[in-house]
Structures are given as structure tokens and as C-alpha cells.
Amino acid sequence: MARDYYLETTSKIELFTIVQRIRALSSKKENNNYSEALIREIEWMNDFLKENNTNVDKDIFAAMMQLYIENQPPEYVSPYAKEQLKKFTNYKTWADDIYSKSIFADKEKVIDLVKSDPTKLFTALNTDEAAKLVLSISNLYDNDVVPKLNALQTTINQLQRNYMKAQIDVFNNKTFYPDANSTLRVAFGNVNGYTSPLGKKYEFYTYLDGVMEKYKPGDYEFDVPEKLLELYKKKDFGKYAVNGKVPVCFIASNHTTGGNSGSPALDAYGNLIGLNFDRVWEGTMSDVNYDPSICRNIMVDIRYVLFIVDKYAGAKHLVEEMNLVYPKK
């Protein structure tokens, strides 16, 4: 729990990310490759700060610090963070204060100093309130959490070996595949519907008609943007419809897992036909037991992606850069 709250807090608050990047750069200033590291950091900061929205980040700070402080055992919460909360009494006031004073929250100043005099940012690591906060959180994590995690992981690794050996001994006719995490892998299957254990039959495709059938104004999951409603009412589907209907998603028997979201789905000819993003409810156990009769991965149809890019977003120029194949070859 302490690891999860630390990682979520320090990675989602962009002010903290900036501080950590400057801290890492500072640690390299005596190295021979510091000049190269500085050039890379200037490029990274330019791209990162271009997209940074301070007001949004301030709200994220208030929300994430509340979770970090209140939702885990107090011994894993930075004492400095607890002191600062007492000082400001609430998270919103705390956020307003730290973002108004921290040099690391001033995008223009950060990028200017990274380019002209990064040593001023290095010095601020010791005095700036935002830097003192995130570094206190990181130091507690490094000193009090990581050693315990490492000890647990060593035990888990040994138990995993014993568990795998037991499986191989008991199921000696079964083929066991190596752990392929963090490697490129290819799954294969067939586009196909299925029937759930309760007898409900699912076809292998969905259409924009179904999106509109579920449309519920103001609902978190089923609201639909006004422009998409207009395109549907006018049947302005461009070249992306099939018999007057726009395909949205389809399912297949590919064996996917966490991390496959966004994976390209290719047909037998190597054409991109969709993007994987989910599994059907009855098939969520496939990490443990893959059952080809009900395990289905869910992919967004590439025609729907192109329809959104072209007709909804008005970015036809992007589509024109692509080589669209009709029919598939």
C-alpha cells in the first residue's frame, strides 16, 4: 500500500515530477556526461511544460495529497507533509500556497533556468517548499519502505520457483510457456462471437447505433458529445460506414492480458484493422485459465477510429497521410 500511494502521488503530481527531474540532473553535475544530460533535460522540459496546466495540477495535488496522508498507515506518511497540512488546515489552501511560491511551479522560470543557470534550481532543492515536500516523501519511501519491499520480493521470488516446479512435476504433460513480461509478443485468434455460461449470445461486432441506444445525457459512461450526435442524425459517416452503419468494436479469441491495451490488431494480410483495449466480462479470468469458448478480447474497429479523426475531430489531413486499403489485400 505504501508503495502504491507513493508511486501514484509522486508520478501524478507534475510539480513533483519537475522537482524529481531536477534532482536527478543535479546528481549528474560532476559526471563527464553532464553536458549531454543537460541537453536531454532541456528538450524534455520544453515538451513537458508545453502541455502542463498549473491549475489542473494544483487540483491533482490537493486530491492526491489527501489520499497519501489519510488512506495509509501514518508511519508511511512523510512527517513534513503532516506538518504542512496542520499549518494550512486544508488541502486546497495548501495547494494554493505551494504553487504560488514554488519556483518549480513557474513554468517559464524553470525552462529559462534549465537553459541558462540550472545551478539556481539545484540550490532551490534545499529551500523550496515543493522540493522539501517531495524529497521528504521520497526519502521516507527509500529508507522505510523499499528495504521491506525488497525483502518481501526475495521471498516471493523463491516461492514462485517452488510453485512453478510443483506445477511442472504435477502437470508433466502440459507445455509451460516462459514469463514474457516486458517483451514483444504476438497473440493470434479468430474474430468470433460467443455464448455466455448463462446462455446469452453475443455477436462479434457493435455499431454506432448501439452507442446511441445507450446514450444517456450527463451520464459518466454513456453521455455522447453533441457533434457526434449531429453526425449520427445526419448519417454523415463518410467512407467509414458498412451498409449505412459505422462499425465501432469487435471481439476475437486472442489471448490478451494487462498491458495489451493499445496493441494493434492485424488481419491475416498484415493490415491494421483495430486496436485492442479490453476483455469481455466472462473472459477476465484468462490470465489464470484461458477458455477459448468464452474468452474474447475487445478491439475498437479502425474504421471507427478513422471516422472520429476525420469527421468528428476534423483532422482529415491526418487520414490523407495514411495508406487506406480497400478492399483488404
Foldseek 3Di string as FASTA:
>chain_A
DLVVLLCCQQVLQVLNVLLVLLVVLVVCPPPPCSVVSLVVVLVVLVVVLVPDDLVVSLVVQQVSLCCNCPVDDNLLAQPLSVVLCVVQVGSNSSSVVLLVFFLSNPSVSSSVCSVPPSVVVVVCCVPRPSNVRSVSNVVSCVPPPVVVVVVVVVVVVVVVVVVVVVCCVVPVVDDDDDDQPPHDDDWDWFFAWAADPVGRTDGFWDWVVVLVVQDDDPDPPRHDDPQVVVCVVVLVQPPQADPSIHIFKGKTQTQDDPPQFQPFDADPQRDGFWTWHAWDPRQNCVVPPRDSRRTITMTTTVSVVLSCCPRVVVNVVVVVVDDDDPPDD
